[in-house]
């Protein structure tokens, strides 16, 4: 492969459809159905990047959430989602005294392409309060992720450095990767759409075990939010720690922790992923 740009952020913002632009372009029908136009910029192989799918799903959920903070997002990615016009249907599953459980589906006719469940909950009084802080990164030298021919277009939306581990196709039997990540976007601060876009960035750790570039795909994804504020934080300087928990029969499980620029964990998730090789 021949490098075409020095890094994933080399393309101008004017030529890129940002996640803010995707959300701003959404149209909502009276029944709550959301439609969105998503360009090829966000393709990840045969399907749209999962972080943008999640951002659209939570946008569709918003009228049913009573503006409560999101606590958990669960996703099952059933089939490839093509770029172009998307239709997202949302409905309230249950409204309790303190929580709202909302479902959103990305659909193509009668076919469900992706299914999301969001749990929104109001803050409660509690004597239990605890944070986990990003491990020290002293001594870790970052390697900037290049953009080369054949890589998915969505990578241009980010600038990324690999602080620990090796890139996919290196043949290194890694069990942990650490990235420093920035998102190219019109927003000045990190909203929920931007946070979800950042959180799905890491590829399967297991792809580094292979000695060639091989596709991978997420089947299920659950993201739990710690309650730490993220809306005031910038879009640069995020750190993602990814740990390979298990891998057998072409399926891998990994744990992903997203640390804000202030060093505190904002979200922690698990993913079941497929490696095609």
Protein backbone atom coordinates (compact mmCIF):
# COMPACT_ATOMS: atom_id res chain seq x y z
CA UNK A 1 0.00 0.00 0.00
CA UNK A 2 1.17 3.54 -0.78
CA UNK A 3 0.61 6.37 1.69
CA UNK A 4 -1.57 9.12 0.23
CA UNK A 5 -1.65 11.50 3.21
CA UNK A 6 0.61 11.97 6.24
CA UNK A 7 -2.21 11.39 8.72
CA UNK A 8 -5.95 10.86 9.04
CA UNK A 9 -6.62 14.54 9.67
CA UNK A 10 -5.04 15.85 6.48
CA UNK A 11 -8.29 16.30 4.56
CA UNK A 12 -9.92 19.72 4.96
CA UNK A 13 -13.05 20.10 7.07
CA UNK A 14 -14.83 21.63 4.06
CA UNK A 15 -14.49 18.34 2.17
CA UNK A 16 -15.61 16.17 5.08
CA UNK A 17 -19.10 15.50 6.44
CA UNK A 18 -18.61 15.82 10.19
CA UNK A 19 -20.77 14.07 12.75
CA UNK A 20 -22.18 17.48 13.74
CA UNK A 21 -23.29 17.96 10.13
CA UNK A 22 -24.86 14.49 10.08
CA UNK A 23 -26.92 15.27 13.20
CA UNK A 24 -27.82 18.79 12.06
CA UNK A 25 -29.17 17.39 8.80
CA UNK A 26 -31.58 14.96 10.50
CA UNK A 27 -35.31 15.37 9.88
CA UNK A 28 -37.93 14.12 12.36
CA UNK A 29 -41.46 13.03 11.40
CA UNK A 30 -44.48 13.45 13.63
CA UNK A 31 -44.27 9.79 14.68
CA UNK A 32 -40.70 10.27 15.91
CA UNK A 33 -39.08 8.58 12.91
CA UNK A 34 -35.75 10.16 12.02
CA UNK A 35 -34.22 10.37 8.55
CA UNK A 36 -30.61 11.27 7.89
CA UNK A 37 -28.27 11.63 4.94
CA UNK A 38 -24.84 10.11 5.59
CA UNK A 39 -22.11 10.35 3.02
CA UNK A 40 -19.49 7.83 2.00
CA UNK A 41 -17.06 9.69 4.31
CA UNK A 42 -18.34 7.49 7.14
CA UNK A 43 -18.02 4.07 5.49
CA UNK A 44 -16.14 1.34 7.36
CA UNK A 45 -15.86 -1.48 4.88
CA UNK A 46 -19.34 -2.58 3.78
CA UNK A 47 -21.14 -0.65 6.51
CA UNK A 48 -21.32 2.79 8.05
CA UNK A 49 -19.03 3.37 11.02
CA UNK A 50 -20.72 2.11 14.19
CA UNK A 51 -20.09 5.29 16.15
CA UNK A 52 -22.18 7.30 13.68
CA UNK A 53 -24.92 4.68 13.75
CA UNK A 54 -24.98 5.03 17.56
CA UNK A 55 -25.03 8.84 17.32
CA UNK A 56 -28.06 8.70 15.02
CA UNK A 57 -29.80 6.15 17.25
CA UNK A 58 -29.42 8.32 20.35
CA UNK A 59 -30.60 11.36 18.40
CA UNK A 60 -33.73 9.40 17.48
CA UNK A 61 -34.18 8.47 21.16
CA UNK A 62 -33.90 12.03 22.41
CA UNK A 63 -37.62 13.00 22.40
CA UNK A 64 -38.39 9.94 24.55
CA UNK A 65 -35.60 10.48 27.09
CA UNK A 66 -37.11 13.43 28.99
CA UNK A 67 -33.63 15.00 28.68
CA UNK A 68 -32.24 12.60 31.29
CA UNK A 69 -28.51 11.71 31.07
CA UNK A 70 -27.70 8.52 29.22
CA UNK A 71 -26.40 5.73 31.46
CA UNK A 72 -26.13 2.72 29.14
CA UNK A 73 -26.29 2.09 25.41
CA UNK A 74 -26.68 -1.45 24.05
CA UNK A 75 -26.26 -2.23 20.36
CA UNK A 76 -26.73 -5.23 18.10
CA UNK A 77 -25.41 -4.58 14.59
CA UNK A 78 -27.42 -6.98 12.44
CA UNK A 79 -26.51 -6.15 8.83
CA UNK A 80 -24.43 -3.68 6.82
CA UNK A 81 -25.79 -0.12 6.73
CA UNK A 82 -25.15 1.61 3.41
CA UNK A 83 -24.39 5.31 3.07
CA UNK A 84 -27.14 7.56 1.76
CA UNK A 85 -30.58 8.12 3.27
CA UNK A 86 -31.15 6.32 6.58
CA UNK A 87 -34.39 5.73 8.45
CA UNK A 88 -34.29 5.37 12.24
CA UNK A 89 -37.41 4.39 14.19
CA UNK A 90 -37.57 4.98 17.95
CA UNK A 91 -40.07 4.10 20.68
CA UNK A 92 -40.33 4.28 24.44
CA UNK A 93 -40.07 0.85 26.06
CA UNK A 94 -40.66 1.91 29.65
CA UNK A 95 -40.89 5.12 31.67
CA UNK A 96 -40.16 4.65 35.37
CA UNK A 97 -39.93 7.19 38.13
CA UNK A 98 -36.24 7.85 37.47
CA UNK A 99 -35.38 6.09 34.21
CA UNK A 100 -36.44 5.87 30.59
CA UNK A 101 -35.69 2.87 28.41
CA UNK A 102 -35.83 3.68 24.71
CA UNK A 103 -35.35 1.55 21.60
CA UNK A 104 -34.09 2.75 18.21
CA UNK A 105 -33.79 0.72 15.02
CA UNK A 106 -32.03 1.55 11.78
CA UNK A 107 -34.26 -0.04 9.17
CA UNK A 108 -34.41 -0.70 5.45
CA UNK A 109 -38.05 -1.40 4.68
CA UNK A 110 -39.01 -4.27 6.98
CA UNK A 111 -35.39 -5.32 7.62
CA UNK A 112 -33.70 -4.26 10.87
CA UNK A 113 -30.09 -3.32 10.17
CA UNK A 114 -29.14 -2.24 13.70
CA UNK A 115 -30.93 -2.31 17.05
CA UNK A 116 -30.11 0.01 19.97
CA UNK A 117 -31.50 0.29 23.50
CA UNK A 118 -30.66 3.36 25.54
CA UNK A 119 -31.21 3.68 29.28
CA UNK A 120 -31.53 7.23 30.57
CA UNK A 121 -31.58 7.94 34.31
CA UNK A 122 -31.81 10.93 36.58
CA UNK A 123 -29.11 11.52 39.20
CA UNK A 124 -29.87 10.11 42.64
CA UNK A 125 -28.53 10.82 46.11
CA UNK A 126 -25.95 8.20 47.09
CA UNK A 127 -23.12 7.76 49.56
CA UNK A 128 -21.20 5.75 46.95
CA UNK A 129 -18.93 7.78 44.68
CA UNK A 130 -15.80 6.50 42.96
CA UNK A 131 -13.77 7.33 39.85
CA UNK A 132 -11.14 5.44 37.99
CA UNK A 133 -8.34 7.49 36.52
CA UNK A 134 -6.31 6.93 33.41
CA UNK A 135 -3.07 5.00 34.01
CA UNK A 136 0.12 7.01 33.65
CA UNK A 137 1.27 7.34 30.05
CA UNK A 138 4.76 8.54 30.91
CA UNK A 139 7.38 6.98 28.68
CA UNK A 140 4.92 5.89 25.97
CA UNK A 141 5.93 7.23 22.56
CA UNK A 142 3.01 7.62 20.19
CA UNK A 143 3.05 6.40 16.59
CA UNK A 144 0.73 8.41 14.37
CA UNK A 145 -1.75 6.32 12.44
CA UNK A 146 -1.24 6.99 8.72
CA UNK A 147 -3.94 7.06 6.07
CA UNK A 148 -3.03 4.71 3.22
CA UNK A 149 -4.80 3.42 0.13
CA UNK A 150 -7.46 0.87 0.93
CA UNK A 151 -8.17 2.04 4.49
CA UNK A 152 -11.81 2.84 5.39
CA UNK A 153 -12.83 6.46 4.65
CA UNK A 154 -14.11 7.06 8.21
CA UNK A 155 -10.52 7.12 9.51
CA UNK A 156 -10.08 10.56 7.93
CA UNK A 157 -12.45 11.89 10.60
CA UNK A 158 -9.79 11.34 13.28
CA UNK A 159 -6.20 12.01 14.21
CA UNK A 160 -4.87 9.05 16.17
CA UNK A 161 -1.66 7.98 17.83
CA UNK A 162 -1.02 4.44 19.00
CA UNK A 163 0.66 4.73 22.39
CA UNK A 164 0.80 1.03 23.21
CA UNK A 165 0.61 -2.02 20.97
CA UNK A 166 0.92 -2.50 17.22
CA UNK A 167 -1.22 -1.68 14.22
CA UNK A 168 -3.44 -4.29 12.52
CA UNK A 169 -1.51 -6.60 10.22
CA UNK A 170 1.74 -6.36 12.21
CA UNK A 171 1.79 -9.98 13.41
CA UNK A 172 2.24 -8.90 17.06
CA UNK A 173 0.29 -10.93 19.64
CA UNK A 174 -0.97 -7.88 21.56
CA UNK A 175 -3.58 -8.04 24.31
CA UNK A 176 -3.79 -4.28 24.91
CA UNK A 177 -3.83 -1.17 22.74
CA UNK A 178 -3.83 2.44 23.94
CA UNK A 179 -4.73 5.29 21.58
CA UNK A 180 -4.63 9.06 21.89
CA UNK A 181 -7.45 10.34 19.75
CA UNK A 182 -8.92 13.57 18.36
CA UNK A 183 -12.10 14.01 16.32
CA UNK A 184 -12.34 16.49 13.44
CA UNK A 185 -15.72 18.17 13.89
CA UNK A 186 -17.51 21.52 13.70
CA UNK A 187 -18.39 21.45 17.41
CA UNK A 188 -16.08 23.12 19.92
CA UNK A 189 -16.93 20.70 22.73
CA UNK A 190 -17.85 17.04 23.10
CA UNK A 191 -21.57 16.32 22.88
CA UNK A 192 -23.09 12.85 23.04
CA UNK A 193 -22.84 12.36 19.27
CA UNK A 194 -19.14 13.22 19.32
CA UNK A 195 -18.52 11.02 22.36
CA UNK A 196 -20.11 8.00 20.69
CA UNK A 197 -18.14 8.69 17.53
CA UNK A 198 -14.89 8.67 19.53
CA UNK A 199 -15.77 5.60 21.58
CA UNK A 200 -16.12 3.16 18.66
CA UNK A 201 -12.78 4.03 17.05
CA UNK A 202 -10.53 1.11 18.12
CA UNK A 203 -10.38 -1.90 15.79
CA UNK A 204 -10.28 -5.42 17.25
CA UNK A 205 -7.02 -5.87 19.16
CA UNK A 206 -6.80 -9.33 17.58
CA UNK A 207 -6.20 -7.83 14.14
CA UNK A 208 -2.62 -7.07 15.22
CA UNK A 209 -2.01 -10.83 15.48
CA UNK A 210 -2.36 -11.28 11.72
CA UNK A 211 0.40 -10.57 9.21
CA UNK A 212 -1.93 -8.96 6.69
CA UNK A 213 -4.72 -6.40 6.67
CA UNK A 214 -7.93 -8.28 7.42
CA UNK A 215 -11.46 -6.96 7.99
CA UNK A 216 -13.18 -7.08 11.36
CA UNK A 217 -16.77 -6.38 12.34
CA UNK A 218 -18.65 -5.60 15.56
CA UNK A 219 -21.67 -7.78 16.36
CA UNK A 220 -22.66 -6.48 19.79
CA UNK A 221 -21.59 -3.44 21.77
CA UNK A 222 -22.53 -2.20 25.23
CA UNK A 223 -21.33 1.13 26.57
CA UNK A 224 -21.80 2.19 30.20
CA UNK A 225 -21.38 5.87 31.10
CA UNK A 226 -19.66 6.70 34.38
CA UNK A 227 -21.53 9.97 35.02
CA UNK A 228 -18.40 12.11 34.69
CA UNK A 229 -19.14 15.28 32.71
CA UNK A 230 -17.94 15.23 29.12
CA UNK A 231 -19.86 18.15 27.59
CA UNK A 232 -17.24 20.73 28.60
CA UNK A 233 -14.29 18.76 27.28
CA UNK A 234 -12.52 19.44 23.97
CA UNK A 235 -12.48 17.06 21.01
CA UNK A 236 -8.73 16.46 21.26
CA UNK A 237 -6.64 14.60 23.82
CA UNK A 238 -8.95 11.63 24.44
CA UNK A 239 -7.32 8.34 25.45
CA UNK A 240 -8.81 4.91 24.72
CA UNK A 241 -7.54 1.78 26.46
CA UNK A 242 -8.57 -1.47 24.72
CA UNK A 243 -7.98 -4.90 26.25
CA UNK A 244 -8.46 -8.25 24.53
CA UNK A 245 -10.37 -10.43 27.00
CA UNK A 246 -10.83 -13.63 24.96
CA UNK A 247 -10.67 -14.90 21.39
CA UNK A 248 -11.84 -18.22 19.93
CA UNK A 249 -13.42 -19.46 16.69
CA UNK A 250 -12.98 -16.11 14.94
CA UNK A 251 -14.86 -14.14 17.62
CA UNK A 252 -13.15 -11.78 20.06
CA UNK A 253 -14.30 -10.00 23.20
CA UNK A 254 -12.65 -6.76 24.22
CA UNK A 255 -13.10 -4.11 26.90
CA UNK A 256 -12.84 -0.45 25.90
CA UNK A 257 -12.34 2.42 28.38
CA UNK A 258 -12.65 6.00 27.16
CA UNK A 259 -10.77 8.63 29.19
CA UNK A 260 -11.48 12.33 28.72
CA UNK A 261 -8.73 14.91 28.27
CA UNK A 262 -9.00 15.53 32.04
CA UNK A 263 -7.83 11.95 32.68
CA UNK A 264 -11.10 10.59 34.11
CA UNK A 265 -13.01 7.69 32.59
CA UNK A 266 -16.22 8.79 30.88
CA UNK A 267 -17.40 5.46 29.50
CA UNK A 268 -16.51 1.79 29.57
CA UNK A 269 -17.75 -0.76 27.08
CA UNK A 270 -17.54 -4.32 25.87
CA UNK A 271 -17.64 -5.55 22.30
CA UNK A 272 -18.06 -8.91 20.63
CA UNK A 273 -16.30 -8.73 17.29
CA UNK A 274 -15.63 -10.98 14.31
CA UNK A 275 -12.23 -11.28 12.66
CA UNK A 276 -12.30 -12.54 9.08
CA UNK A 277 -9.02 -14.40 9.15
